[in-house]
Amino acid sequence: DLSSCLAEPEEIQKLKPVLHKCVILRLNHNNLQDSGVKHLV
């Protein structure tokens, strides 16, 4: 759960090596924007 952490696309990019291991991934109330979604895709 990384909700409300003020995370931006840069943070998601740094976390890419581990996020695929999560069963439940909560990223609510951040600032991912469309560019952050590209990393999630």
PDB file of all heavy atoms in Angstrom:
ATOM      1  N   ASP A   1       0.846  -1.193   0.000  1.00  0.00           N
ATOM      2  CA  ASP A   1       0.000   0.000   0.000  1.00  0.00           C
ATOM      3  C   ASP A   1       0.880   1.242   0.000  1.00  0.00           C
ATOM      4  O   ASP A   1       1.518   1.567   1.001  1.00  0.00           O
ATOM      5  CB  ASP A   1      -0.915  -0.009   1.227  1.00  0.00           C
ATOM      6  CG  ASP A   1      -1.995   1.068   1.152  1.00  0.00           C
ATOM      7  OD1 ASP A   1      -1.892   1.952   0.267  1.00  0.00           O
ATOM      8  OD2 ASP A   1      -2.932   1.037   1.969  1.00  0.00           O
ATOM      9  N   LEU A   2       0.919   1.909  -1.143  1.00  0.00           N
ATOM     10  CA  LEU A   2       1.685   3.150  -1.287  1.00  0.00           C
ATOM     11  C   LEU A   2       0.746   4.316  -1.586  1.00  0.00           C
ATOM     12  O   LEU A   2       1.114   5.267  -2.279  1.00  0.00           O
ATOM     13  CB  LEU A   2       2.721   3.000  -2.415  1.00  0.00           C
ATOM     14  CG  LEU A   2       3.737   1.865  -2.265  1.00  0.00           C
ATOM     15  CD1 LEU A   2       4.703   1.852  -3.453  1.00  0.00           C
ATOM     16  CD2 LEU A   2       4.519   2.003  -0.969  1.00  0.00           C
ATOM     17  N   SER A   3      -0.456   4.249  -1.058  1.00  0.00           N
ATOM     18  CA  SER A   3      -1.422   5.324  -1.263  1.00  0.00           C
ATOM     19  C   SER A   3      -0.984   6.583  -0.517  1.00  0.00           C
ATOM     20  O   SER A   3      -0.344   6.510   0.536  1.00  0.00           O
ATOM     21  CB  SER A   3      -2.805   4.894  -0.766  1.00  0.00           C
ATOM     22  OG  SER A   3      -3.260   3.751  -1.440  1.00  0.00           O
ATOM     23  N   SER A   4      -1.315   7.741  -1.095  1.00  0.00           N
ATOM     24  CA  SER A   4      -1.080   9.042  -0.447  1.00  0.00           C
ATOM     25  C   SER A   4       0.382   9.268  -0.086  1.00  0.00           C
ATOM     26  O   SER A   4       0.697   9.906   0.917  1.00  0.00           O
ATOM     27  CB  SER A   4      -1.951   9.166   0.814  1.00  0.00           C
ATOM     28  OG  SER A   4      -3.315   8.967   0.515  1.00  0.00           O
ATOM     29  N   CYS A   5       1.288   8.745  -0.896  1.00  0.00           N
ATOM     30  CA  CYS A   5       2.729   8.911  -0.655  1.00  0.00           C
ATOM     31  C   CYS A   5       3.333  10.018  -1.519  1.00  0.00           C
ATOM     32  O   CYS A   5       4.551  10.201  -1.518  1.00  0.00           O
ATOM     33  CB  CYS A   5       3.472   7.597  -0.943  1.00  0.00           C
ATOM     34  SG  CYS A   5       3.099   6.282   0.207  1.00  0.00           S
ATOM     35  N   LEU A   6       2.485  10.728  -2.273  1.00  0.00           N
ATOM     36  CA  LEU A   6       2.934  11.742  -3.224  1.00  0.00           C
ATOM     37  C   LEU A   6       3.841  11.141  -4.303  1.00  0.00           C
ATOM     38  O   LEU A   6       4.752  11.808  -4.817  1.00  0.00           O
ATOM     39  CB  LEU A   6       3.656  12.904  -2.518  1.00  0.00           C
ATOM     40  CG  LEU A   6       2.822  13.704  -1.513  1.00  0.00           C
ATOM     41  CD1 LEU A   6       3.612  14.902  -1.001  1.00  0.00           C
ATOM     42  CD2 LEU A   6       1.507  14.177  -2.111  1.00  0.00           C
ATOM     43  N   ALA A   7       3.604   9.883  -4.628  1.00  0.00           N
ATOM     44  CA  ALA A   7       4.420   9.213  -5.641  1.00  0.00           C
ATOM     45  C   ALA A   7       4.127   9.772  -7.025  1.00  0.00           C
ATOM     46  O   ALA A   7       2.974  10.050  -7.370  1.00  0.00           O
ATOM     47  CB  ALA A   7       4.154   7.709  -5.614  1.00  0.00           C
ATOM     48  N   GLU A   8       5.173   9.928  -7.826  1.00  0.00           N
ATOM     49  CA  GLU A   8       5.074  10.412  -9.195  1.00  0.00           C
ATOM     50  C   GLU A   8       5.639   9.351 -10.137  1.00  0.00           C
ATOM     51  O   GLU A   8       6.116   8.306  -9.689  1.00  0.00           O
ATOM     52  CB  GLU A   8       5.807  11.754  -9.320  1.00  0.00           C
ATOM     53  CG  GLU A   8       5.212  12.837  -8.419  1.00  0.00           C
ATOM     54  CD  GLU A   8       5.706  14.228  -8.782  1.00  0.00           C
ATOM     55  OE1 GLU A   8       6.564  14.355  -9.678  1.00  0.00           O
ATOM     56  OE2 GLU A   8       5.221  15.192  -8.165  1.00  0.00           O
ATOM     57  N   PRO A   9       5.595   9.573 -11.454  1.00  0.00           N
ATOM     58  CA  PRO A   9       6.115   8.563 -12.389  1.00  0.00           C
ATOM     59  C   PRO A   9       7.537   8.113 -12.089  1.00  0.00           C
ATOM     60  O   PRO A   9       7.878   6.939 -12.280  1.00  0.00           O
ATOM     61  CB  PRO A   9       6.021   9.281 -13.743  1.00  0.00           C
ATOM     62  CG  PRO A   9       4.863  10.213 -13.584  1.00  0.00           C
ATOM     63  CD  PRO A   9       4.922  10.680 -12.163  1.00  0.00           C
ATOM     64  N   GLU A  10       8.387   9.022 -11.603  1.00  0.00           N
ATOM     65  CA  GLU A  10       9.766   8.654 -11.289  1.00  0.00           C
ATOM     66  C   GLU A  10       9.826   7.564 -10.228  1.00  0.00           C
ATOM     67  O   GLU A  10      10.631   6.623 -10.318  1.00  0.00           O
ATOM     68  CB  GLU A  10      10.532   9.887 -10.802  1.00  0.00           C
ATOM     69  CG  GLU A  10      11.976   9.597 -10.412  1.00  0.00           C
ATOM     70  CD  GLU A  10      12.678  10.802  -9.808  1.00  0.00           C
ATOM     71  OE1 GLU A  10      12.044  11.880  -9.693  1.00  0.00           O
ATOM     72  OE2 GLU A  10      13.855  10.664  -9.432  1.00  0.00           O
ATOM     73  N   GLU A  11       8.963   7.676  -9.207  1.00  0.00           N
ATOM     74  CA  GLU A  11       8.961   6.678  -8.148  1.00  0.00           C
ATOM     75  C   GLU A  11       8.493   5.319  -8.675  1.00  0.00           C
ATOM     76  O   GLU A  11       9.040   4.273  -8.303  1.00  0.00           O
ATOM     77  CB  GLU A  11       8.064   7.126  -6.989  1.00  0.00           C
ATOM     78  CG  GLU A  11       8.679   8.158  -6.070  1.00  0.00           C
ATOM     79  CD  GLU A  11       8.861   9.525  -6.706  1.00  0.00           C
ATOM     80  OE1 GLU A  11       7.893  10.030  -7.317  1.00  0.00           O
ATOM     81  OE2 GLU A  11       9.972  10.076  -6.626  1.00  0.00           O
ATOM     82  N   ILE A  12       7.468   5.315  -9.538  1.00  0.00           N
ATOM     83  CA  ILE A  12       6.983   4.056 -10.106  1.00  0.00           C
ATOM     84  C   ILE A  12       8.067   3.399 -10.951  1.00  0.00           C
ATOM     85  O   ILE A  12       8.248   2.174 -10.923  1.00  0.00           O
ATOM     86  CB  ILE A  12       5.715   4.299 -10.938  1.00  0.00           C
ATOM     87  CG1 ILE A  12       4.598   4.834 -10.050  1.00  0.00           C
ATOM     88  CG2 ILE A  12       5.259   3.010 -11.631  1.00  0.00           C
ATOM     89  CD1 ILE A  12       4.240   3.922  -8.895  1.00  0.00           C
ATOM     90  N   GLN A  13       8.813   4.188 -11.673  1.00  0.00           N
ATOM     91  CA  GLN A  13       9.896   3.638 -12.486  1.00  0.00           C
ATOM     92  C   GLN A  13      10.946   2.970 -11.602  1.00  0.00           C
ATOM     93  O   GLN A  13      11.466   1.903 -11.944  1.00  0.00           O
ATOM     94  CB  GLN A  13      10.535   4.741 -13.330  1.00  0.00           C
ATOM     95  CG  GLN A  13      11.612   4.227 -14.280  1.00  0.00           C
ATOM     96  CD  GLN A  13      12.159   5.325 -15.163  1.00  0.00           C
ATOM     97  OE1 GLN A  13      12.034   6.514 -14.857  1.00  0.00           O
ATOM     98  NE2 GLN A  13      12.759   4.945 -16.276  1.00  0.00           N
ATOM     99  N   LYS A  14      11.265   3.584 -10.468  1.00  0.00           N
ATOM    100  CA  LYS A  14      12.254   2.991  -9.563  1.00  0.00           C
ATOM    101  C   LYS A  14      11.745   1.689  -8.952  1.00  0.00           C
ATOM    102  O   LYS A  14      12.535   0.804  -8.604  1.00  0.00           O
ATOM    103  CB  LYS A  14      12.619   3.990  -8.459  1.00  0.00           C
ATOM    104  CG  LYS A  14      13.385   5.212  -8.948  1.00  0.00           C
ATOM    105  CD  LYS A  14      13.722   6.144  -7.810  1.00  0.00           C
ATOM    106  CE  LYS A  14      14.477   7.367  -8.295  1.00  0.00           C
ATOM    107  NZ  LYS A  14      15.754   7.050  -8.940  1.00  0.00           N
ATOM    108  N   LEU A  15      10.425   1.577  -8.808  1.00  0.00           N
ATOM    109  CA  LEU A  15       9.837   0.402  -8.161  1.00  0.00           C
ATOM    110  C   LEU A  15       9.497  -0.717  -9.141  1.00  0.00           C
ATOM    111  O   LEU A  15       9.016  -1.781  -8.718  1.00  0.00           O
ATOM    112  CB  LEU A  15       8.566   0.813  -7.406  1.00  0.00           C
ATOM    113  CG  LEU A  15       8.775   1.682  -6.158  1.00  0.00           C
ATOM    114  CD1 LEU A  15       7.452   2.268  -5.686  1.00  0.00           C
ATOM    115  CD2 LEU A  15       9.429   0.887  -5.041  1.00  0.00           C
ATOM    116  N   LYS A  16       9.723  -0.520 -10.422  1.00  0.00           N
ATOM    117  CA  LYS A  16       9.346  -1.507 -11.434  1.00  0.00           C
ATOM    118  C   LYS A  16       9.926  -2.898 -11.179  1.00  0.00           C
ATOM    119  O   LYS A  16       9.249  -3.905 -11.448  1.00  0.00           O
ATOM    120  CB  LYS A  16       9.742  -1.017 -12.831  1.00  0.00           C
ATOM    121  CG  LYS A  16       8.789   0.020 -13.393  1.00  0.00           C
ATOM    122  CD  LYS A  16       9.275   0.581 -14.721  1.00  0.00           C
ATOM    123  CE  LYS A  16       9.269  -0.453 -15.811  1.00  0.00           C
ATOM    124  NZ  LYS A  16       9.608   0.138 -17.129  1.00  0.00           N
ATOM    125  N   PRO A  17      11.151  -3.044 -10.649  1.00  0.00           N
ATOM    126  CA  PRO A  17      11.680  -4.395 -10.433  1.00  0.00           C
ATOM    127  C   PRO A  17      10.915  -5.230  -9.411  1.00  0.00           C
ATOM    128  O   PRO A  17      11.110  -6.451  -9.356  1.00  0.00           O
ATOM    129  CB  PRO A  17      13.118  -4.132  -9.955  1.00  0.00           C
ATOM    130  CG  PRO A  17      13.473  -2.785 -10.489  1.00  0.00           C
ATOM    131  CD  PRO A  17      12.194  -2.012 -10.424  1.00  0.00           C
ATOM    132  N   VAL A  18      10.037  -4.606  -8.584  1.00  0.00           N
ATOM    133  CA  VAL A  18       9.366  -5.375  -7.529  1.00  0.00           C
ATOM    134  C   VAL A  18       7.843  -5.335  -7.595  1.00  0.00           C
ATOM    135  O   VAL A  18       7.191  -6.191  -6.991  1.00  0.00           O
ATOM    136  CB  VAL A  18       9.812  -4.899  -6.127  1.00  0.00           C
ATOM    137  CG1 VAL A  18      11.293  -5.099  -5.933  1.00  0.00           C
ATOM    138  CG2 VAL A  18       9.443  -3.440  -5.882  1.00  0.00           C
ATOM    139  N   LEU A  19       7.254  -4.392  -8.304  1.00  0.00           N
ATOM    140  CA  LEU A  19       5.804  -4.239  -8.261  1.00  0.00           C
ATOM    141  C   LEU A  19       5.070  -5.445  -8.834  1.00  0.00           C
ATOM    142  O   LEU A  19       3.939  -5.747  -8.431  1.00  0.00           O
ATOM    143  CB  LEU A  19       5.378  -2.959  -8.999  1.00  0.00           C
ATOM    144  CG  LEU A  19       5.785  -1.634  -8.339  1.00  0.00           C
ATOM    145  CD1 LEU A  19       5.206  -0.460  -9.107  1.00  0.00           C
ATOM    146  CD2 LEU A  19       5.358  -1.585  -6.876  1.00  0.00           C
ATOM    147  N   HIS A  20       5.677  -6.149  -9.772  1.00  0.00           N
ATOM    148  CA  HIS A  20       5.004  -7.312 -10.360  1.00  0.00           C
ATOM    149  C   HIS A  20       4.850  -8.455  -9.361  1.00  0.00           C
ATOM    150  O   HIS A  20       4.084  -9.391  -9.595  1.00  0.00           O
ATOM    151  CB  HIS A  20       5.793  -7.812 -11.584  1.00  0.00           C
ATOM    152  CG  HIS A  20       7.107  -8.441 -11.235  1.00  0.00           C
ATOM    153  ND1 HIS A  20       8.218  -7.693 -10.895  1.00  0.00           N
ATOM    154  CD2 HIS A  20       7.485  -9.745 -11.135  1.00  0.00           C
ATOM    155  CE1 HIS A  20       9.221  -8.512 -10.632  1.00  0.00           C
ATOM    156  NE2 HIS A  20       8.806  -9.756 -10.760  1.00  0.00           N
ATOM    157  N   LYS A  21       5.552  -8.390  -8.223  1.00  0.00           N
ATOM    158  CA  LYS A  21       5.479  -9.438  -7.207  1.00  0.00           C
ATOM    159  C   LYS A  21       4.301  -9.240  -6.260  1.00  0.00           C
ATOM    160  O   LYS A  21       4.027 -10.100  -5.426  1.00  0.00           O
ATOM    161  CB  LYS A  21       6.769  -9.468  -6.389  1.00  0.00           C
ATOM    162  CG  LYS A  21       8.023  -9.753  -7.210  1.00  0.00           C
ATOM    163  CD  LYS A  21       9.241  -9.838  -6.316  1.00  0.00           C
ATOM    164  CE  LYS A  21      10.486 -10.182  -7.122  1.00  0.00           C
ATOM    165  NZ  LYS A  21      11.648 -10.448  -6.270  1.00  0.00           N
ATOM    166  N   CYS A  22       3.619  -8.107  -6.348  1.00  0.00           N
ATOM    167  CA  CYS A  22       2.528  -7.786  -5.429  1.00  0.00           C
ATOM    168  C   CYS A  22       1.226  -8.443  -5.887  1.00  0.00           C
ATOM    169  O   CYS A  22       0.883  -8.403  -7.071  1.00  0.00           O
ATOM    170  CB  CYS A  22       2.327  -6.273  -5.345  1.00  0.00           C
ATOM    171  SG  CYS A  22       3.811  -5.360  -4.871  1.00  0.00           S
ATOM    172  N   VAL A  23       0.491  -9.004  -4.943  1.00  0.00           N
ATOM    173  CA  VAL A  23      -0.841  -9.528  -5.233  1.00  0.00           C
ATOM    174  C   VAL A  23      -1.865  -8.397  -5.183  1.00  0.00           C
ATOM    175  O   VAL A  23      -2.720  -8.277  -6.056  1.00  0.00           O
ATOM    176  CB  VAL A  23      -1.211 -10.640  -4.235  1.00  0.00           C
ATOM    177  CG1 VAL A  23      -2.633 -11.152  -4.494  1.00  0.00           C
ATOM    178  CG2 VAL A  23      -0.208 -11.790  -4.325  1.00  0.00           C
ATOM    179  N   ILE A  24      -1.760  -7.574  -4.166  1.00  0.00           N
ATOM    180  CA  ILE A  24      -2.601  -6.370  -4.049  1.00  0.00           C
ATOM    181  C   ILE A  24      -1.687  -5.157  -4.065  1.00  0.00           C
ATOM    182  O   ILE A  24      -0.791  -5.045  -3.242  1.00  0.00           O
ATOM    183  CB  ILE A  24      -3.426  -6.387  -2.748  1.00  0.00           C
ATOM    184  CG1 ILE A  24      -4.320  -7.623  -2.687  1.00  0.00           C
ATOM    185  CG2 ILE A  24      -4.256  -5.110  -2.626  1.00  0.00           C
ATOM    186  CD1 ILE A  24      -5.061  -7.771  -1.365  1.00  0.00           C
ATOM    187  N   LEU A  25      -1.924  -4.261  -5.000  1.00  0.00           N
ATOM    188  CA  LEU A  25      -1.094  -3.062  -5.147  1.00  0.00           C
ATOM    189  C   LEU A  25      -1.992  -1.831  -5.080  1.00  0.00           C
ATOM    190  O   LEU A  25      -2.826  -1.606  -5.963  1.00  0.00           O
ATOM    191  CB  LEU A  25      -0.331  -3.099  -6.478  1.00  0.00           C
ATOM    192  CG  LEU A  25       0.554  -1.896  -6.799  1.00  0.00           C
ATOM    193  CD1 LEU A  25       1.595  -1.671  -5.711  1.00  0.00           C
ATOM    194  CD2 LEU A  25       1.229  -2.073  -8.154  1.00  0.00           C
ATOM    195  N   ARG A  26      -1.821  -1.054  -4.022  1.00  0.00           N
ATOM    196  CA  ARG A  26      -2.643   0.146  -3.826  1.00  0.00           C
ATOM    197  C   ARG A  26      -1.784   1.388  -4.068  1.00  0.00           C
ATOM    198  O   ARG A  26      -0.807   1.621  -3.345  1.00  0.00           O
ATOM    199  CB  ARG A  26      -3.226   0.165  -2.416  1.00  0.00           C
ATOM    200  CG  ARG A  26      -3.977  -1.110  -2.029  1.00  0.00           C
ATOM    201  CD  ARG A  26      -4.683  -0.950  -0.693  1.00  0.00           C
ATOM    202  NE  ARG A  26      -5.115  -2.224  -0.140  1.00  0.00           N
ATOM    203  CZ  ARG A  26      -6.228  -2.877  -0.482  1.00  0.00           C
ATOM    204  NH1 ARG A  26      -7.021  -2.352  -1.409  1.00  0.00           N
ATOM    205  NH2 ARG A  26      -6.542  -4.025   0.082  1.00  0.00           N
ATOM    206  N   LEU A  27      -2.177   2.170  -5.067  1.00  0.00           N
ATOM    207  CA  LEU A  27      -1.448   3.389  -5.428  1.00  0.00           C
ATOM    208  C   LEU A  27      -2.388   4.596  -5.461  1.00  0.00           C
ATOM    209  O   LEU A  27      -2.192   5.530  -6.240  1.00  0.00           O
ATOM    210  CB  LEU A  27      -0.775   3.206  -6.800  1.00  0.00           C
ATOM    211  CG  LEU A  27       0.294   2.116  -6.886  1.00  0.00           C
ATOM    212  CD1 LEU A  27       0.704   1.872  -8.332  1.00  0.00           C
ATOM    213  CD2 LEU A  27       1.512   2.499  -6.058  1.00  0.00           C
ATOM    214  N   ASN A  28      -3.390   4.589  -4.617  1.00  0.00           N
ATOM    215  CA  ASN A  28      -4.400   5.640  -4.634  1.00  0.00           C
ATOM    216  C   ASN A  28      -3.847   6.985  -4.163  1.00  0.00           C
ATOM    217  O   ASN A  28      -2.894   7.044  -3.393  1.00  0.00           O
ATOM    218  CB  ASN A  28      -5.572   5.247  -3.723  1.00  0.00           C
ATOM    219  CG  ASN A  28      -6.173   3.915  -4.111  1.00  0.00           C
ATOM    220  OD1 ASN A  28      -6.424   3.652  -5.283  1.00  0.00           O
ATOM    221  ND2 ASN A  28      -6.401   3.054  -3.122  1.00  0.00           N
ATOM    222  N   HIS A  29      -4.469   8.059  -4.658  1.00  0.00           N
ATOM    223  CA  HIS A  29      -4.198   9.422  -4.185  1.00  0.00           C
ATOM    224  C   HIS A  29      -2.726   9.797  -4.315  1.00  0.00           C
ATOM    225  O   HIS A  29      -2.113  10.324  -3.381  1.00  0.00           O
ATOM    226  CB  HIS A  29      -4.653   9.585  -2.725  1.00  0.00           C
ATOM    227  CG  HIS A  29      -6.073   9.171  -2.497  1.00  0.00           C
ATOM    228  ND1 HIS A  29      -7.144   9.922  -2.919  1.00  0.00           N
ATOM    229  CD2 HIS A  29      -6.597   8.063  -1.901  1.00  0.00           C
ATOM    230  CE1 HIS A  29      -8.268   9.305  -2.591  1.00  0.00           C
ATOM    231  NE2 HIS A  29      -7.962   8.175  -1.978  1.00  0.00           N
ATOM    232  N   ASN A  30      -2.159   9.517  -5.471  1.00  0.00           N
ATOM    233  CA  ASN A  30      -0.802   9.939  -5.791  1.00  0.00           C
ATOM    234  C   ASN A  30      -0.835  10.871  -6.992  1.00  0.00           C
ATOM    235  O   ASN A  30      -1.872  11.460  -7.297  1.00  0.00           O
ATOM    236  CB  ASN A  30       0.087   8.712  -6.035  1.00  0.00           C
ATOM    237  CG  ASN A  30       0.460   8.002  -4.742  1.00  0.00           C
ATOM    238  OD1 ASN A  30       1.014   8.600  -3.828  1.00  0.00           O
ATOM    239  ND2 ASN A  30       0.154   6.709  -4.660  1.00  0.00           N
ATOM    240  N   ASN A  31       0.284  10.991  -7.664  1.00  0.00           N
ATOM    241  CA  ASN A  31       0.366  11.878  -8.825  1.00  0.00           C
ATOM    242  C   ASN A  31       1.024  11.130  -9.988  1.00  0.00           C
ATOM    243  O   ASN A  31       1.974  11.612 -10.589  1.00  0.00           O
ATOM    244  CB  ASN A  31       1.175  13.136  -8.456  1.00  0.00           C
ATOM    245  CG  ASN A  31       1.089  14.209  -9.521  1.00  0.00           C
ATOM    246  OD1 ASN A  31       0.080  14.332 -10.228  1.00  0.00           O
ATOM    247  ND2 ASN A  31       2.149  14.989  -9.667  1.00  0.00           N
ATOM    248  N   LEU A  32       0.496   9.934 -10.280  1.00  0.00           N
ATOM    249  CA  LEU A  32       1.130   9.090 -11.290  1.00  0.00           C
ATOM    250  C   LEU A  32       0.967   9.655 -12.686  1.00  0.00           C
ATOM    251  O   LEU A  32       1.862   9.525 -13.522  1.00  0.00           O
ATOM    252  CB  LEU A  32       0.544   7.674 -11.234  1.00  0.00           C
ATOM    253  CG  LEU A  32       0.658   6.947  -9.892  1.00  0.00           C
ATOM    254  CD1 LEU A  32       0.245   5.493 -10.053  1.00  0.00           C
ATOM    255  CD2 LEU A  32       2.073   7.030  -9.344  1.00  0.00           C
ATOM    256  N   GLN A  33      -0.201  10.248 -12.990  1.00  0.00           N
ATOM    257  CA  GLN A  33      -0.500  10.798 -14.301  1.00  0.00           C
ATOM    258  C   GLN A  33      -0.368   9.710 -15.383  1.00  0.00           C
ATOM    259  O   GLN A  33      -0.072   8.554 -15.110  1.00  0.00           O
ATOM    260  CB  GLN A  33       0.394  12.000 -14.610  1.00  0.00           C
ATOM    261  CG  GLN A  33       0.331  13.084 -13.545  1.00  0.00           C
ATOM    262  CD  GLN A  33       1.207  14.269 -13.853  1.00  0.00           C
ATOM    263  OE1 GLN A  33       1.070  14.917 -14.888  1.00  0.00           O
ATOM    264  NE2 GLN A  33       2.129  14.565 -12.957  1.00  0.00           N
ATOM    265  N   ASP A  34      -0.591  10.082 -16.612  1.00  0.00           N
ATOM    266  CA  ASP A  34      -0.596   9.105 -17.702  1.00  0.00           C
ATOM    267  C   ASP A  34       0.775   8.464 -17.901  1.00  0.00           C
ATOM    268  O   ASP A  34       0.875   7.287 -18.257  1.00  0.00           O
ATOM    269  CB  ASP A  34      -1.042   9.776 -19.003  1.00  0.00           C
ATOM    270  CG  ASP A  34      -2.489  10.259 -18.924  1.00  0.00           C
ATOM    271  OD1 ASP A  34      -3.210   9.798 -18.017  1.00  0.00           O
ATOM    272  OD2 ASP A  34      -2.891  11.093 -19.748  1.00  0.00           O
ATOM    273  N   SER A  35       1.845   9.230 -17.666  1.00  0.00           N
ATOM    274  CA  SER A  35       3.183   8.671 -17.857  1.00  0.00           C
ATOM    275  C   SER A  35       3.479   7.581 -16.838  1.00  0.00           C
ATOM    276  O   SER A  35       4.208   6.626 -17.129  1.00  0.00           O
ATOM    277  CB  SER A  35       4.231   9.779 -17.763  1.00  0.00           C
ATOM    278  OG  SER A  35       4.128  10.492 -16.535  1.00  0.00           O
ATOM    279  N   GLY A  36       2.923   7.705 -15.635  1.00  0.00           N
ATOM    280  CA  GLY A  36       3.101   6.661 -14.640  1.00  0.00           C
ATOM    281  C   GLY A  36       2.379   5.387 -15.020  1.00  0.00           C
ATOM    282  O   GLY A  36       2.848   4.276 -14.728  1.00  0.00           O
ATOM    283  N   VAL A  37       1.234   5.517 -15.691  1.00  0.00           N
ATOM    284  CA  VAL A  37       0.486   4.348 -16.150  1.00  0.00           C
ATOM    285  C   VAL A  37       1.300   3.545 -17.157  1.00  0.00           C
ATOM    286  O   VAL A  37       1.224   2.314 -17.202  1.00  0.00           O
ATOM    287  CB  VAL A  37      -0.870   4.775 -16.740  1.00  0.00           C
ATOM    288  CG1 VAL A  37      -1.560   3.603 -17.444  1.00  0.00           C
ATOM    289  CG2 VAL A  37      -1.767   5.330 -15.644  1.00  0.00           C
ATOM    290  N   LYS A  38       2.096   4.222 -17.970  1.00  0.00           N
ATOM    291  CA  LYS A  38       2.932   3.508 -18.944  1.00  0.00           C
ATOM    292  C   LYS A  38       3.875   2.541 -18.241  1.00  0.00           C
ATOM    293  O   LYS A  38       4.103   1.427 -18.722  1.00  0.00           O
ATOM    294  CB  LYS A  38       3.723   4.514 -19.783  1.00  0.00           C
ATOM    295  CG  LYS A  38       2.865   5.373 -20.695  1.00  0.00           C
ATOM    296  CD  LYS A  38       3.707   6.348 -21.508  1.00  0.00           C
ATOM    297  CE  LYS A  38       2.832   7.214 -22.396  1.00  0.00           C
ATOM    298  NZ  LYS A  38       3.631   8.200 -23.188  1.00  0.00           N
ATOM    299  N   HIS A  39       4.445   2.946 -17.107  1.00  0.00           N
ATOM    300  CA  HIS A  39       5.309   2.044 -16.344  1.00  0.00           C
ATOM    301  C   HIS A  39       4.497   0.860 -15.805  1.00  0.00           C
ATOM    302  O   HIS A  39       4.961  -0.286 -15.827  1.00  0.00           O
ATOM    303  CB  HIS A  39       5.971   2.786 -15.186  1.00  0.00           C
ATOM    304  CG  HIS A  39       6.876   3.906 -15.603  1.00  0.00           C
ATOM    305  ND1 HIS A  39       7.857   3.749 -16.563  1.00  0.00           N
ATOM    306  CD2 HIS A  39       6.954   5.202 -15.193  1.00  0.00           C
ATOM    307  CE1 HIS A  39       8.502   4.888 -16.717  1.00  0.00           C
ATOM    308  NE2 HIS A  39       7.978   5.785 -15.904  1.00  0.00           N
ATOM    309  N   LEU A  40       3.280   1.139 -15.349  1.00  0.00           N
ATOM    310  CA  LEU A  40       2.436   0.065 -14.818  1.00  0.00           C
ATOM    311  C   LEU A  40       2.022  -0.911 -15.913  1.00  0.00           C
ATOM    312  O   LEU A  40       1.906  -2.115 -15.674  1.00  0.00           O
ATOM    313  CB  LEU A  40       1.200   0.662 -14.143  1.00  0.00           C
ATOM    314  CG  LEU A  40       1.451   1.435 -12.852  1.00  0.00           C
ATOM    315  CD1 LEU A  40       0.173   2.101 -12.372  1.00  0.00           C
ATOM    316  CD2 LEU A  40       1.994   0.512 -11.768  1.00  0.00           C
ATOM    317  N   VAL A  41       1.791  -0.406 -17.104  1.00  0.00           N
ATOM    318  CA  VAL A  41       1.432  -1.279 -18.223  1.00  0.00           C
ATOM    319  C   VAL A  41       2.559  -2.266 -18.515  1.00  0.00           C
ATOM    320  O   VAL A  41       2.323  -3.451 -18.778  1.00  0.00           O
ATOM    321  CB  VAL A  41       1.093  -0.438 -19.469  1.00  0.00           C
ATOM    322  CG1 VAL A  41       1.045  -1.303 -20.726  1.00  0.00           C
ATOM    323  CG2 VAL A  41      -0.240   0.275 -19.272  1.00  0.00           C
TER     324      VAL A  41
END
